[in-house]
Amino acid sequence: MDAVVKTFPPRADNTQTEPAGTPPAQRPSQEEVEAAVRTLLRWTGDNPDREGLVDTPTRVARAYREMFGGYDQDPAAELGRTFEEVQGYDDLVLVKDIQFHSHCEHHMVPIIGKAHVAYLPDGKVVGLSKIARTVDIFAHRLQTQEAMTAQIADVIQTVLNPRGVAVMIEAEHMCMAMRGIRKQGSTTLTTTFTGSFKDHPEEQARFLMMLRGFAA
């Protein structure tokens, strides 16, 4: 049965937080996917009928279903359950070093990195695992690092409505390491700030200090 792609609830301005280019609900069949992989194997110059490759199309289809499972999941739903019994806590909540694997939408090769996500609660908090799960959902889609950074911040701001959200992603892009310029070990950093983090530079500075291990 074809998977159904979930979308976020409409925002107040009637725009959608779902990234542009999200595939339609109708997807190719298993047979079509495997035929496409066989074509790619032939294009590389190899023989898809040899022993080592005969089951590769099935394996690739299975792997892609797992690696791109984020299209079937709704990060807003993950963040929907919150807790208000916080004993008045309203200071910064930071989940750092969230490891992830994604794929570049330009070359479909891996992006490997970690995300740091913080927010300033406004009367309610969300389970810490839900923050990590949100990162994973966006990572399991074709991505650019810039878009992924903004998407994580936007959905947390939209669903939790905190006083502010800060997101930093550090990642290595295999499209730079494996092809083209072939520079291994180069790391790209991106940030997105909303609310108090955007309006007050001292909150940004505190976020960055906490990432370095210094409590403010």
N, C-alpha and C. Protein backbone atom coordinates (compact mmCIF):
# COMPACT_ATOMS: atom_id res chain seq x y z
N MET A 1 0.86 -1.20 0.00
CA MET A 1 0.00 0.00 0.00
C MET A 1 0.89 1.23 0.00
N ASP A 2 0.55 2.23 -0.79
CA ASP A 2 1.36 3.44 -0.86
C ASP A 2 1.27 4.22 0.44
N ALA A 3 2.40 4.79 0.84
CA ALA A 3 2.43 5.58 2.07
C ALA A 3 1.78 6.93 1.85
N VAL A 4 1.19 7.47 2.89
CA VAL A 4 0.56 8.79 2.84
C VAL A 4 1.51 9.80 3.45
N VAL A 5 1.74 10.89 2.74
CA VAL A 5 2.63 11.93 3.24
C VAL A 5 1.82 12.89 4.09
N LYS A 6 2.23 13.05 5.34
CA LYS A 6 1.54 13.95 6.25
C LYS A 6 2.11 15.36 6.12
N THR A 7 1.27 16.35 6.36
CA THR A 7 1.71 17.74 6.32
C THR A 7 1.41 18.41 7.64
N PHE A 8 2.04 19.57 7.87
CA PHE A 8 1.81 20.30 9.11
C PHE A 8 0.46 21.01 9.06
N PRO A 9 -0.10 21.35 10.24
CA PRO A 9 -1.30 22.17 10.25
C PRO A 9 -1.02 23.53 9.64
N PRO A 10 -2.03 24.16 8.99
CA PRO A 10 -1.80 25.48 8.41
C PRO A 10 -1.41 26.49 9.47
N ARG A 11 -0.53 27.40 9.11
CA ARG A 11 -0.16 28.47 10.01
C ARG A 11 -1.16 29.61 9.88
N ALA A 12 -1.01 30.57 10.77
CA ALA A 12 -1.95 31.69 10.78
C ALA A 12 -1.92 32.47 9.48
N ASP A 13 -0.76 32.51 8.81
CA ASP A 13 -0.66 33.25 7.56
C ASP A 13 -1.00 32.39 6.34
N ASN A 14 -1.57 31.19 6.61
CA ASN A 14 -2.01 30.27 5.58
C ASN A 14 -0.88 29.66 4.77
N THR A 15 0.37 29.83 5.21
CA THR A 15 1.47 29.16 4.55
C THR A 15 1.70 27.82 5.22
N GLN A 16 2.43 26.94 4.55
CA GLN A 16 2.72 25.62 5.09
C GLN A 16 4.17 25.54 5.50
N THR A 17 4.43 24.83 6.62
CA THR A 17 5.81 24.63 7.05
C THR A 17 6.45 23.44 6.36
N GLU A 18 5.68 22.67 5.58
CA GLU A 18 6.24 21.54 4.84
C GLU A 18 7.17 22.07 3.76
N PRO A 19 8.39 21.51 3.63
CA PRO A 19 9.33 22.03 2.65
C PRO A 19 8.83 21.88 1.23
N ALA A 20 9.24 22.82 0.38
CA ALA A 20 8.87 22.75 -1.03
C ALA A 20 9.44 21.47 -1.63
N GLY A 21 8.72 20.91 -2.59
CA GLY A 21 9.22 19.74 -3.26
C GLY A 21 8.86 18.43 -2.58
N THR A 22 8.02 18.46 -1.54
CA THR A 22 7.60 17.23 -0.89
C THR A 22 6.87 16.35 -1.91
N PRO A 23 7.22 15.06 -1.98
CA PRO A 23 6.63 14.21 -3.01
C PRO A 23 5.14 13.99 -2.77
N PRO A 24 4.39 13.73 -3.82
CA PRO A 24 2.96 13.45 -3.67
C PRO A 24 2.75 12.11 -3.00
N ALA A 25 1.51 11.87 -2.56
CA ALA A 25 1.20 10.63 -1.86
C ALA A 25 1.39 9.42 -2.77
N GLN A 26 1.12 9.56 -4.07
CA GLN A 26 1.28 8.45 -5.01
C GLN A 26 2.76 8.22 -5.29
N ARG A 27 3.24 7.02 -4.98
CA ARG A 27 4.65 6.71 -5.16
C ARG A 27 4.81 5.55 -6.14
N PRO A 28 6.00 5.43 -6.74
CA PRO A 28 6.25 4.28 -7.61
C PRO A 28 6.12 2.98 -6.84
N SER A 29 5.83 1.91 -7.56
CA SER A 29 5.72 0.60 -6.95
C SER A 29 7.10 0.05 -6.61
N GLN A 30 7.13 -1.01 -5.82
CA GLN A 30 8.38 -1.70 -5.50
C GLN A 30 9.09 -2.15 -6.77
N GLU A 31 8.30 -2.67 -7.72
CA GLU A 31 8.89 -3.15 -8.96
C GLU A 31 9.53 -2.01 -9.76
N GLU A 32 8.88 -0.84 -9.77
CA GLU A 32 9.43 0.30 -10.50
C GLU A 32 10.73 0.79 -9.85
N VAL A 33 10.76 0.80 -8.51
CA VAL A 33 11.97 1.23 -7.80
C VAL A 33 13.12 0.28 -8.11
N GLU A 34 12.86 -1.02 -8.04
CA GLU A 34 13.92 -1.99 -8.29
C GLU A 34 14.41 -1.91 -9.73
N ALA A 35 13.50 -1.65 -10.68
CA ALA A 35 13.90 -1.50 -12.07
C ALA A 35 14.80 -0.28 -12.25
N ALA A 36 14.49 0.80 -11.51
CA ALA A 36 15.31 2.00 -11.58
C ALA A 36 16.72 1.75 -11.05
N VAL A 37 16.82 0.97 -9.97
CA VAL A 37 18.13 0.64 -9.41
C VAL A 37 18.92 -0.21 -10.40
N ARG A 38 18.26 -1.16 -11.05
CA ARG A 38 18.94 -1.97 -12.06
C ARG A 38 19.48 -1.11 -13.19
N THR A 39 18.71 -0.11 -13.58
CA THR A 39 19.17 0.81 -14.63
C THR A 39 20.43 1.55 -14.18
N LEU A 40 20.44 2.02 -12.93
CA LEU A 40 21.61 2.71 -12.41
C LEU A 40 22.82 1.79 -12.35
N LEU A 41 22.60 0.54 -11.96
CA LEU A 41 23.70 -0.41 -11.92
C LEU A 41 24.30 -0.62 -13.31
N ARG A 42 23.44 -0.72 -14.31
CA ARG A 42 23.93 -0.86 -15.68
C ARG A 42 24.67 0.39 -16.11
N TRP A 43 24.17 1.57 -15.69
CA TRP A 43 24.79 2.85 -16.07
C TRP A 43 26.19 2.98 -15.49
N THR A 44 26.43 2.39 -14.30
CA THR A 44 27.78 2.44 -13.74
C THR A 44 28.77 1.60 -14.53
N GLY A 45 28.24 0.70 -15.35
CA GLY A 45 29.11 -0.19 -16.10
C GLY A 45 29.15 -1.60 -15.55
N ASP A 46 28.38 -1.87 -14.50
CA ASP A 46 28.37 -3.20 -13.89
C ASP A 46 27.20 -4.01 -14.43
N ASN A 47 27.15 -5.26 -14.01
CA ASN A 47 26.12 -6.20 -14.47
C ASN A 47 25.17 -6.51 -13.33
N PRO A 48 23.94 -6.02 -13.38
CA PRO A 48 23.00 -6.25 -12.27
C PRO A 48 22.59 -7.70 -12.09
N ASP A 49 22.96 -8.57 -13.04
CA ASP A 49 22.61 -9.98 -12.93
C ASP A 49 23.72 -10.83 -12.31
N ARG A 50 24.86 -10.21 -12.02
CA ARG A 50 25.90 -11.01 -11.39
C ARG A 50 25.53 -11.27 -9.92
N GLU A 51 26.17 -12.28 -9.33
CA GLU A 51 25.76 -12.78 -8.01
C GLU A 51 25.75 -11.69 -6.94
N GLY A 52 26.77 -10.85 -6.92
CA GLY A 52 26.87 -9.84 -5.87
C GLY A 52 25.84 -8.73 -5.97
N LEU A 53 25.23 -8.57 -7.15
CA LEU A 53 24.29 -7.46 -7.36
C LEU A 53 22.85 -7.90 -7.57
N VAL A 54 22.61 -9.20 -7.67
CA VAL A 54 21.27 -9.64 -8.04
C VAL A 54 20.21 -9.22 -7.04
N ASP A 55 20.57 -9.12 -5.74
CA ASP A 55 19.60 -8.71 -4.72
C ASP A 55 19.75 -7.23 -4.34
N THR A 56 20.67 -6.54 -4.99
CA THR A 56 20.91 -5.13 -4.64
C THR A 56 19.68 -4.25 -4.84
N PRO A 57 18.92 -4.36 -5.93
CA PRO A 57 17.75 -3.49 -6.08
C PRO A 57 16.76 -3.61 -4.91
N THR A 58 16.53 -4.82 -4.42
CA THR A 58 15.63 -5.00 -3.28
C THR A 58 16.21 -4.36 -2.03
N ARG A 59 17.52 -4.55 -1.83
CA ARG A 59 18.17 -3.96 -0.65
C ARG A 59 18.13 -2.44 -0.70
N VAL A 60 18.38 -1.88 -1.87
CA VAL A 60 18.37 -0.41 -2.01
C VAL A 60 16.98 0.14 -1.73
N ALA A 61 15.95 -0.51 -2.26
CA ALA A 61 14.58 -0.05 -2.02
C ALA A 61 14.27 -0.07 -0.53
N ARG A 62 14.69 -1.14 0.15
CA ARG A 62 14.46 -1.25 1.59
C ARG A 62 15.23 -0.17 2.35
N ALA A 63 16.47 0.06 1.95
CA ALA A 63 17.28 1.08 2.61
C ALA A 63 16.70 2.48 2.40
N TYR A 64 16.25 2.76 1.19
CA TYR A 64 15.68 4.09 0.91
C TYR A 64 14.40 4.32 1.71
N ARG A 65 13.60 3.26 1.88
CA ARG A 65 12.38 3.40 2.68
C ARG A 65 12.72 3.82 4.10
N GLU A 66 13.83 3.27 4.63
CA GLU A 66 14.26 3.62 5.98
C GLU A 66 14.91 5.01 6.01
N MET A 67 15.82 5.28 5.10
CA MET A 67 16.58 6.53 5.14
C MET A 67 15.72 7.75 4.83
N PHE A 68 14.64 7.56 4.08
CA PHE A 68 13.76 8.67 3.74
C PHE A 68 12.38 8.53 4.37
N GLY A 69 12.34 7.84 5.52
CA GLY A 69 11.08 7.65 6.23
C GLY A 69 10.49 8.93 6.80
N GLY A 70 11.26 10.01 6.82
CA GLY A 70 10.76 11.27 7.36
C GLY A 70 9.60 11.86 6.59
N TYR A 71 9.46 11.46 5.31
CA TYR A 71 8.33 11.96 4.53
C TYR A 71 7.00 11.40 5.04
N ASP A 72 7.05 10.29 5.75
CA ASP A 72 5.83 9.66 6.26
C ASP A 72 5.50 10.07 7.69
N GLN A 73 6.30 10.98 8.25
CA GLN A 73 6.13 11.34 9.65
C GLN A 73 5.90 12.85 9.80
N ASP A 74 5.15 13.20 10.81
CA ASP A 74 4.77 14.60 11.04
C ASP A 74 5.46 15.11 12.30
N PRO A 75 6.45 16.00 12.18
CA PRO A 75 7.14 16.50 13.37
C PRO A 75 6.22 17.28 14.30
N ALA A 76 5.20 17.93 13.74
CA ALA A 76 4.26 18.66 14.59
C ALA A 76 3.52 17.71 15.52
N ALA A 77 3.20 16.53 15.03
CA ALA A 77 2.53 15.53 15.88
C ALA A 77 3.46 15.05 16.98
N GLU A 78 4.74 14.90 16.67
CA GLU A 78 5.70 14.47 17.69
C GLU A 78 5.79 15.48 18.82
N LEU A 79 5.67 16.76 18.49
CA LEU A 79 5.80 17.82 19.49
C LEU A 79 4.49 18.15 20.19
N GLY A 80 3.41 17.47 19.80
CA GLY A 80 2.08 17.86 20.26
C GLY A 80 1.81 17.64 21.74
N ARG A 81 2.49 16.66 22.36
CA ARG A 81 2.24 16.38 23.78
C ARG A 81 3.23 17.17 24.62
N THR A 82 2.70 18.08 25.43
CA THR A 82 3.54 18.92 26.27
C THR A 82 3.18 18.74 27.74
N PHE A 83 4.02 19.29 28.62
CA PHE A 83 3.83 19.17 30.06
C PHE A 83 3.86 20.56 30.68
N GLU A 84 2.85 20.84 31.50
CA GLU A 84 2.75 22.16 32.12
C GLU A 84 3.18 22.16 33.59
N GLU A 85 3.39 20.99 34.17
CA GLU A 85 3.85 20.90 35.56
C GLU A 85 5.37 21.06 35.60
N VAL A 86 5.81 22.30 35.47
CA VAL A 86 7.25 22.57 35.38
C VAL A 86 7.75 23.37 36.59
N GLN A 87 6.91 23.52 37.62
CA GLN A 87 7.31 24.21 38.86
C GLN A 87 7.83 25.62 38.58
N GLY A 88 7.23 26.27 37.57
CA GLY A 88 7.62 27.64 37.27
C GLY A 88 8.88 27.78 36.44
N TYR A 89 9.46 26.67 35.99
CA TYR A 89 10.70 26.76 35.21
C TYR A 89 10.44 27.47 33.89
N ASP A 90 11.24 28.49 33.61
CA ASP A 90 11.07 29.24 32.37
C ASP A 90 12.40 29.61 31.73
N ASP A 91 13.47 28.91 32.14
CA ASP A 91 14.79 29.23 31.58
C ASP A 91 15.09 28.31 30.40
N LEU A 92 16.26 28.51 29.82
CA LEU A 92 16.64 27.84 28.59
C LEU A 92 16.70 26.33 28.75
N VAL A 93 16.16 25.62 27.77
CA VAL A 93 16.27 24.16 27.67
C VAL A 93 17.10 23.87 26.42
N LEU A 94 18.20 23.16 26.59
CA LEU A 94 19.11 22.88 25.49
C LEU A 94 19.35 21.38 25.36
N VAL A 95 19.12 20.86 24.16
CA VAL A 95 19.49 19.48 23.83
C VAL A 95 20.57 19.59 22.77
N LYS A 96 21.78 19.18 23.11
CA LYS A 96 22.89 19.36 22.16
C LYS A 96 23.45 18.02 21.72
N ASP A 97 24.25 18.09 20.66
CA ASP A 97 24.93 16.90 20.12
C ASP A 97 23.95 15.81 19.68
N ILE A 98 22.88 16.21 19.01
CA ILE A 98 21.92 15.25 18.45
C ILE A 98 22.49 14.76 17.12
N GLN A 99 23.03 13.56 17.11
CA GLN A 99 23.65 13.03 15.90
C GLN A 99 22.58 12.71 14.85
N PHE A 100 22.90 12.98 13.58
CA PHE A 100 21.96 12.65 12.52
C PHE A 100 22.70 12.31 11.23
N HIS A 101 22.00 11.59 10.35
CA HIS A 101 22.43 11.33 8.98
C HIS A 101 21.31 11.80 8.07
N SER A 102 21.65 12.59 7.07
CA SER A 102 20.67 13.02 6.09
C SER A 102 21.27 12.81 4.70
N HIS A 103 20.57 13.31 3.68
CA HIS A 103 21.06 13.20 2.30
C HIS A 103 20.87 14.53 1.58
N CYS A 104 21.90 14.93 0.88
CA CYS A 104 21.87 16.17 0.10
C CYS A 104 20.86 16.03 -1.04
N GLU A 105 20.00 17.02 -1.19
CA GLU A 105 18.99 16.94 -2.24
C GLU A 105 19.58 17.18 -3.64
N HIS A 106 20.80 17.66 -3.71
CA HIS A 106 21.41 17.94 -5.01
C HIS A 106 22.11 16.71 -5.60
N HIS A 107 22.75 15.90 -4.74
CA HIS A 107 23.48 14.74 -5.24
C HIS A 107 23.04 13.42 -4.58
N MET A 108 22.17 13.50 -3.60
CA MET A 108 21.65 12.32 -2.89
C MET A 108 22.77 11.52 -2.24
N VAL A 109 23.78 12.23 -1.71
CA VAL A 109 24.84 11.60 -0.94
C VAL A 109 24.72 12.09 0.50
N PRO A 110 25.36 11.40 1.46
CA PRO A 110 25.10 11.68 2.87
C PRO A 110 25.55 13.06 3.36
N ILE A 111 24.80 13.56 4.32
CA ILE A 111 25.18 14.67 5.19
C ILE A 111 25.26 14.08 6.59
N ILE A 112 26.38 14.20 7.25
CA ILE A 112 26.58 13.60 8.57
C ILE A 112 26.91 14.69 9.57
N GLY A 113 26.14 14.79 10.64
CA GLY A 113 26.41 15.88 11.57
C GLY A 113 25.68 15.76 12.88
N LYS A 114 25.57 16.88 13.56
CA LYS A 114 24.87 16.94 14.83
C LYS A 114 24.14 18.27 14.93
N ALA A 115 23.02 18.23 15.64
CA ALA A 115 22.19 19.41 15.83
C ALA A 115 22.16 19.78 17.30
N HIS A 116 22.08 21.08 17.56
CA HIS A 116 21.92 21.61 18.90
C HIS A 116 20.64 22.45 18.89
N VAL A 117 19.71 22.12 19.77
CA VAL A 117 18.40 22.77 19.77
C VAL A 117 18.07 23.29 21.16
N ALA A 118 17.68 24.56 21.24
CA ALA A 118 17.31 25.16 22.53
C ALA A 118 16.01 25.94 22.37
N TYR A 119 15.28 26.05 23.47
CA TYR A 119 14.09 26.91 23.46
C TYR A 119 13.88 27.48 24.85
N LEU A 120 13.16 28.59 24.90
CA LEU A 120 12.80 29.26 26.15
C LEU A 120 11.32 28.99 26.41
N PRO A 121 10.98 28.12 27.36
CA PRO A 121 9.58 27.73 27.57
C PRO A 121 8.71 28.91 27.97
N ASP A 122 7.45 28.78 27.62
CA ASP A 122 6.45 29.76 28.04
C ASP A 122 5.29 29.01 28.69
N GLY A 123 5.58 28.42 29.86
CA GLY A 123 4.53 27.73 30.63
C GLY A 123 4.42 26.25 30.35
N LYS A 124 5.13 25.73 29.35
CA LYS A 124 5.05 24.29 29.07
C LYS A 124 6.35 23.84 28.42
N VAL A 125 6.65 22.55 28.61
CA VAL A 125 7.83 21.96 28.01
C VAL A 125 7.42 20.71 27.25
N VAL A 126 8.35 20.21 26.43
CA VAL A 126 8.09 19.00 25.67
C VAL A 126 9.15 17.96 26.06
N GLY A 127 8.80 16.69 25.94
CA GLY A 127 9.77 15.64 26.25
C GLY A 127 11.04 15.79 25.43
N LEU A 128 12.19 15.60 26.07
CA LEU A 128 13.47 15.84 25.40
C LEU A 128 13.65 14.93 24.19
N SER A 129 13.14 13.71 24.26
CA SER A 129 13.28 12.80 23.13
C SER A 129 12.53 13.32 21.90
N LYS A 130 11.48 14.13 22.13
CA LYS A 130 10.71 14.66 21.01
C LYS A 130 11.53 15.67 20.20
N ILE A 131 12.42 16.37 20.87
CA ILE A 131 13.31 17.29 20.15
C ILE A 131 14.23 16.49 19.23
N ALA A 132 14.83 15.43 19.76
CA ALA A 132 15.70 14.59 18.94
C ALA A 132 14.92 13.93 17.81
N ARG A 133 13.69 13.52 18.11
CA ARG A 133 12.87 12.89 17.09
C ARG A 133 12.54 13.87 15.97
N THR A 134 12.31 15.12 16.31
CA THR A 134 12.03 16.14 15.31
C THR A 134 13.21 16.32 14.37
N VAL A 135 14.41 16.34 14.93
CA VAL A 135 15.62 16.43 14.11
C VAL A 135 15.68 15.25 13.15
N ASP A 136 15.43 14.04 13.66
CA ASP A 136 15.50 12.84 12.83
C ASP A 136 14.49 12.87 11.69
N ILE A 137 13.28 13.34 11.96
CA ILE A 137 12.26 13.36 10.92
C ILE A 137 12.70 14.23 9.75
N PHE A 138 13.21 15.42 10.05
CA PHE A 138 13.66 16.28 8.96
C PHE A 138 14.92 15.73 8.30
N ALA A 139 15.78 15.07 9.09
CA ALA A 139 17.00 14.51 8.52
C ALA A 139 16.69 13.38 7.54
N HIS A 140 15.60 12.65 7.79
CA HIS A 140 15.25 11.52 6.93
C HIS A 140 14.42 11.98 5.73
N ARG A 141 14.85 13.08 5.14
CA ARG A 141 14.30 13.60 3.90
C ARG A 141 15.47 14.14 3.08
N LEU A 142 15.27 14.34 1.81
CA LEU A 142 16.29 15.03 1.02
C LEU A 142 16.37 16.46 1.52
N GLN A 143 17.60 16.96 1.75
CA GLN A 143 17.74 18.21 2.47
C GLN A 143 18.86 19.09 1.92
N THR A 144 18.77 20.37 2.26
CA THR A 144 19.94 21.23 2.35
C THR A 144 20.08 21.56 3.83
N GLN A 145 21.28 21.79 4.28
CA GLN A 145 21.49 22.07 5.71
C GLN A 145 20.77 23.34 6.12
N GLU A 146 20.79 24.33 5.25
CA GLU A 146 20.14 25.60 5.57
C GLU A 146 18.64 25.41 5.81
N ALA A 147 18.00 24.66 4.90
CA ALA A 147 16.56 24.43 5.04
C ALA A 147 16.25 23.62 6.28
N MET A 148 17.03 22.58 6.54
CA MET A 148 16.78 21.73 7.70
C MET A 148 16.87 22.53 9.00
N THR A 149 17.84 23.43 9.09
CA THR A 149 18.00 24.26 10.28
C THR A 149 16.75 25.10 10.51
N ALA A 150 16.27 25.73 9.45
CA ALA A 150 15.08 26.58 9.55
C ALA A 150 13.82 25.77 9.85
N GLN A 151 13.70 24.58 9.25
CA GLN A 151 12.52 23.75 9.46
C GLN A 151 12.38 23.32 10.91
N ILE A 152 13.50 22.92 11.52
CA ILE A 152 13.46 22.49 12.93
C ILE A 152 13.01 23.64 13.81
N ALA A 153 13.61 24.81 13.63
CA ALA A 153 13.24 25.98 14.44
C ALA A 153 11.78 26.37 14.22
N ASP A 154 11.34 26.34 12.97
CA ASP A 154 9.99 26.80 12.64
C ASP A 154 8.92 25.91 13.27
N VAL A 155 9.09 24.58 13.19
CA VAL A 155 8.04 23.71 13.72
C VAL A 155 7.99 23.78 15.25
N ILE A 156 9.15 23.92 15.90
CA ILE A 156 9.15 24.05 17.36
C ILE A 156 8.48 25.36 17.76
N GLN A 157 8.80 26.44 17.06
CA GLN A 157 8.18 27.73 17.36
C GLN A 157 6.67 27.68 17.12
N THR A 158 6.26 27.05 16.03
CA THR A 158 4.84 27.00 15.66
C THR A 158 4.02 26.15 16.64
N VAL A 159 4.55 24.99 17.02
CA VAL A 159 3.77 24.05 17.84
C VAL A 159 3.84 24.40 19.32
N LEU A 160 5.05 24.68 19.83
CA LEU A 160 5.20 24.94 21.27
C LEU A 160 4.93 26.39 21.64
N ASN A 161 5.11 27.29 20.68
CA ASN A 161 4.97 28.73 20.93
C ASN A 161 5.80 29.18 22.13
N PRO A 162 7.08 28.84 22.16
CA PRO A 162 7.94 29.29 23.26
C PRO A 162 8.34 30.75 23.05
N ARG A 163 9.09 31.30 24.00
CA ARG A 163 9.55 32.68 23.86
C ARG A 163 10.66 32.82 22.84
N GLY A 164 11.23 31.69 22.45
CA GLY A 164 12.26 31.72 21.42
C GLY A 164 12.85 30.34 21.19
N VAL A 165 13.43 30.15 20.00
CA VAL A 165 14.06 28.89 19.63
C VAL A 165 15.42 29.21 19.01
N ALA A 166 16.41 28.38 19.35
CA ALA A 166 17.74 28.48 18.74
C ALA A 166 18.14 27.11 18.22
N VAL A 167 18.60 27.08 16.97
CA VAL A 167 19.05 25.83 16.36
C VAL A 167 20.39 26.06 15.69
N MET A 168 21.35 25.18 15.97
CA MET A 168 22.61 25.17 15.25
C MET A 168 22.86 23.76 14.74
N ILE A 169 23.30 23.67 13.49
CA ILE A 169 23.67 22.38 12.91
C ILE A 169 25.11 22.45 12.43
N GLU A 170 25.88 21.43 12.79
CA GLU A 170 27.25 21.26 12.30
C GLU A 170 27.28 19.96 11.51
N ALA A 171 27.74 20.01 10.26
CA ALA A 171 27.69 18.81 9.44
C ALA A 171 28.78 18.79 8.39
N GLU A 172 29.14 17.56 8.02
CA GLU A 172 30.05 17.34 6.89
C GLU A 172 29.22 16.82 5.72
N HIS A 173 29.48 17.37 4.56
CA HIS A 173 28.72 17.04 3.36
C HIS A 173 29.56 16.16 2.45
N MET A 174 29.07 14.95 2.19
CA MET A 174 29.82 14.04 1.33
C MET A 174 29.87 14.52 -0.11
N CYS A 175 28.98 15.43 -0.50
CA CYS A 175 29.06 15.97 -1.86
C CYS A 175 30.31 16.84 -2.02
N MET A 176 30.88 17.31 -0.90
CA MET A 176 32.16 18.01 -0.93
C MET A 176 33.33 17.06 -0.70
N ALA A 177 33.10 16.01 0.10
CA ALA A 177 34.19 15.11 0.47
C ALA A 177 34.44 14.02 -0.57
N MET A 178 33.38 13.54 -1.24
CA MET A 178 33.50 12.40 -2.14
C MET A 178 33.61 12.78 -3.60
N ARG A 179 33.22 13.99 -3.96
CA ARG A 179 33.18 14.38 -5.37
C ARG A 179 33.55 15.87 -5.46
N GLY A 180 33.58 16.41 -6.67
CA GLY A 180 33.84 17.83 -6.82
C GLY A 180 35.17 18.24 -6.24
N ILE A 181 35.12 19.13 -5.27
CA ILE A 181 36.33 19.67 -4.68
C ILE A 181 37.07 18.66 -3.79
N ARG A 182 36.35 17.64 -3.27
CA ARG A 182 36.92 16.53 -2.49
C ARG A 182 37.74 17.02 -1.30
N LYS A 183 37.11 17.80 -0.46
CA LYS A 183 37.74 18.30 0.76
C LYS A 183 37.15 17.57 1.96
N GLN A 184 37.88 16.58 2.47
CA GLN A 184 37.41 15.81 3.62
C GLN A 184 37.60 16.61 4.91
N GLY A 185 36.66 16.42 5.82
CA GLY A 185 36.77 17.04 7.13
C GLY A 185 36.26 18.46 7.21
N SER A 186 35.82 19.04 6.12
CA SER A 186 35.27 20.39 6.14
C SER A 186 33.87 20.37 6.77
N THR A 187 33.64 21.26 7.73
CA THR A 187 32.37 21.29 8.45
C THR A 187 31.61 22.59 8.16
N THR A 188 30.32 22.46 7.95
CA THR A 188 29.45 23.61 7.71
C THR A 188 28.59 23.85 8.94
N LEU A 189 28.51 25.12 9.37
CA LEU A 189 27.67 25.50 10.51
C LEU A 189 26.55 26.41 10.02
N THR A 190 25.34 26.14 10.49
CA THR A 190 24.19 26.99 10.19
C THR A 190 23.41 27.23 11.49
N THR A 191 22.77 28.38 11.58
CA THR A 191 21.97 28.72 12.76
C THR A 191 20.65 29.36 12.34
N THR A 192 19.65 29.17 13.19
CA THR A 192 18.39 29.91 13.07
C THR A 192 17.95 30.30 14.47
N PHE A 193 17.53 31.56 14.63
CA PHE A 193 17.05 32.06 15.90
C PHE A 193 15.66 32.67 15.72
N THR A 194 14.78 32.43 16.69
CA THR A 194 13.46 33.05 16.68
C THR A 194 13.21 33.72 18.03
N GLY A 195 12.23 34.58 18.09
CA GLY A 195 11.80 35.20 19.35
C GLY A 195 12.91 35.87 20.09
N SER A 196 13.02 35.55 21.38
CA SER A 196 14.00 36.21 22.25
C SER A 196 15.44 35.97 21.79
N PHE A 197 15.70 34.81 21.19
CA PHE A 197 17.05 34.55 20.70
C PHE A 197 17.40 35.48 19.54
N LYS A 198 16.40 35.83 18.76
CA LYS A 198 16.63 36.72 17.62
C LYS A 198 16.68 38.18 18.05
N ASP A 199 15.85 38.53 19.03
CA ASP A 199 15.73 39.93 19.44
C ASP A 199 16.78 40.36 20.46
N HIS A 200 17.36 39.40 21.18
CA HIS A 200 18.29 39.74 22.26
C HIS A 200 19.62 39.02 22.05
N PRO A 201 20.64 39.73 21.60
CA PRO A 201 21.94 39.11 21.34
C PRO A 201 22.53 38.39 22.55
N GLU A 202 22.18 38.84 23.75
CA GLU A 202 22.72 38.18 24.93
C GLU A 202 22.18 36.76 25.07
N GLU A 203 20.97 36.50 24.57
CA GLU A 203 20.44 35.13 24.62
C GLU A 203 21.17 34.25 23.60
N GLN A 204 21.47 34.80 22.44
CA GLN A 204 22.28 34.06 21.47
C GLN A 204 23.64 33.72 22.07
N ALA A 205 24.25 34.71 22.74
CA ALA A 205 25.57 34.50 23.34
C ALA A 205 25.51 33.42 24.41
N ARG A 206 24.44 33.40 25.19
CA ARG A 206 24.29 32.40 26.24
C ARG A 206 24.14 31.00 25.64
N PHE A 207 23.38 30.90 24.58
CA PHE A 207 23.21 29.64 23.87
C PHE A 207 24.56 29.12 23.38
N LEU A 208 25.35 30.00 22.77
CA LEU A 208 26.65 29.59 22.25
C LEU A 208 27.62 29.22 23.37
N MET A 209 27.55 29.94 24.49
CA MET A 209 28.40 29.62 25.63
C MET A 209 28.06 28.26 26.21
N MET A 210 26.77 27.95 26.29
CA MET A 210 26.36 26.65 26.81
C MET A 210 26.80 25.51 25.88
N LEU A 211 26.81 25.77 24.58
CA LEU A 211 27.30 24.75 23.65
C LEU A 211 28.77 24.44 23.88
N ARG A 212 29.52 25.47 24.30
CA ARG A 212 30.95 25.28 24.55
C ARG A 212 31.22 24.72 25.94
N GLY A 213 30.14 24.54 26.73
CA GLY A 213 30.30 23.93 28.04
C GLY A 213 30.45 24.90 29.16
N PHE A 214 30.13 26.20 28.91
CA PHE A 214 30.22 27.19 29.95
C PHE A 214 28.80 27.63 30.33
N ALA A 215 28.40 27.38 31.56
CA ALA A 215 27.09 27.80 32.03
C ALA A 215 27.08 29.30 32.22
N ALA A 216 25.98 29.92 31.75
CA ALA A 216 25.88 31.38 31.89
C ALA A 216 25.23 31.76 33.20
